[in-house]
Every structure is written in structure tokens, then in C-alpha cells.
Amino acid sequence: MDFYLTLTLLTQAHFTVKASIEQIQYDVDRKLDKELLLKLAVGDYILNGQNTILKGV
């Protein structure tokens, strides 16, 4: 995706919290799969038309 398009979409989304993939804390008790999250951050699943479900506790 084009950088400027991404920037525009993020600005238009009006997110209340500014965060990035680099800021995620991978503490053991959070049980996060760093490799999987980094893979999802690339966004190939979107280009491939794959669905993704994120479940939080």
C-alpha cells in the first residue's frame, strides 16, 4: 500500500490512541505470538483475500 494513502487512511480513522507494532509489549503473561503479529502487520492476508479474527480477553 502506498505510504501516503496509508497515512491518509490513518488520519481519517481518528484513532484515539496512537500506537505501532513496535510498541507492543510481548510479556510472557500476555501470551502473544510475536512472529504471528509481525506477519499480520505486513498485511499479506488482506491482499490474499483471507479473513482474520482477532479475539481479546
Protein backbone atom coordinates (compact mmCIF):
# COMPACT_ATOMS: atom_id res chain seq x y z
CA MET A 1 0.00 0.00 0.00
CA ASP A 2 1.24 3.47 -0.80
CA PHE A 3 2.71 5.33 2.19
CA TYR A 4 0.64 8.46 1.60
CA LEU A 5 -2.56 6.50 1.19
CA THR A 6 -1.85 4.69 4.45
CA LEU A 7 -1.14 7.99 6.20
CA THR A 8 -4.37 9.48 4.83
CA LEU A 9 -6.45 6.50 5.94
CA LEU A 10 -4.91 6.53 9.42
CA THR A 11 -5.63 10.24 9.74
CA GLN A 12 -9.23 9.82 8.59
CA ALA A 13 -9.79 6.97 11.05
CA HIS A 14 -9.49 9.37 14.03
CA PHE A 15 -7.95 6.76 16.32
CA THR A 16 -7.90 7.97 19.93
CA VAL A 17 -4.68 6.13 20.75
CA LYS A 18 -1.57 6.38 18.60
CA ALA A 19 0.32 3.09 18.66
CA SER A 20 2.54 1.00 16.45
CA ILE A 21 3.54 -2.63 16.09
CA GLU A 22 6.94 -1.77 17.57
CA GLN A 23 5.31 -0.63 20.82
CA ILE A 24 3.69 -3.97 21.62
CA GLN A 25 4.93 -5.44 24.88
CA TYR A 26 5.44 -9.17 24.45
CA ASP A 27 5.42 -10.05 28.16
CA VAL A 28 5.10 -13.77 28.86
CA ASP A 29 1.80 -13.35 30.72
CA ARG A 30 0.23 -11.71 27.64
CA LYS A 31 0.80 -14.90 25.62
CA LEU A 32 1.33 -13.01 22.36
CA ASP A 33 2.94 -14.67 19.37
CA LYS A 34 5.43 -12.05 18.17
CA GLU A 35 6.14 -13.83 14.90
CA LEU A 36 2.43 -14.06 14.08
CA LEU A 37 1.75 -10.42 14.93
CA LEU A 38 4.65 -9.24 12.78
CA LYS A 39 3.37 -11.41 9.93
CA LEU A 40 -0.13 -9.92 10.30
CA ALA A 41 1.36 -6.41 10.35
CA VAL A 42 2.65 -6.91 6.81
CA GLY A 43 -0.94 -7.30 5.61
CA ASP A 44 -0.46 -10.10 3.07
CA TYR A 45 -3.64 -11.75 4.36
CA ILE A 46 -5.59 -8.75 3.07
CA LEU A 47 -4.06 -8.92 -0.40
CA ASN A 48 -4.73 -12.68 -0.45
CA GLY A 49 -8.39 -12.20 0.48
CA GLN A 50 -8.05 -14.13 3.74
CA ASN A 51 -10.26 -13.41 6.72
CA THR A 52 -8.81 -12.76 10.16
CA ILE A 53 -10.48 -12.86 13.56
CA LEU A 54 -8.79 -11.12 16.49
CA LYS A 55 -10.07 -12.11 19.91
CA GLY A 56 -9.22 -10.16 23.05
CA VAL A 57 -9.74 -11.06 26.64
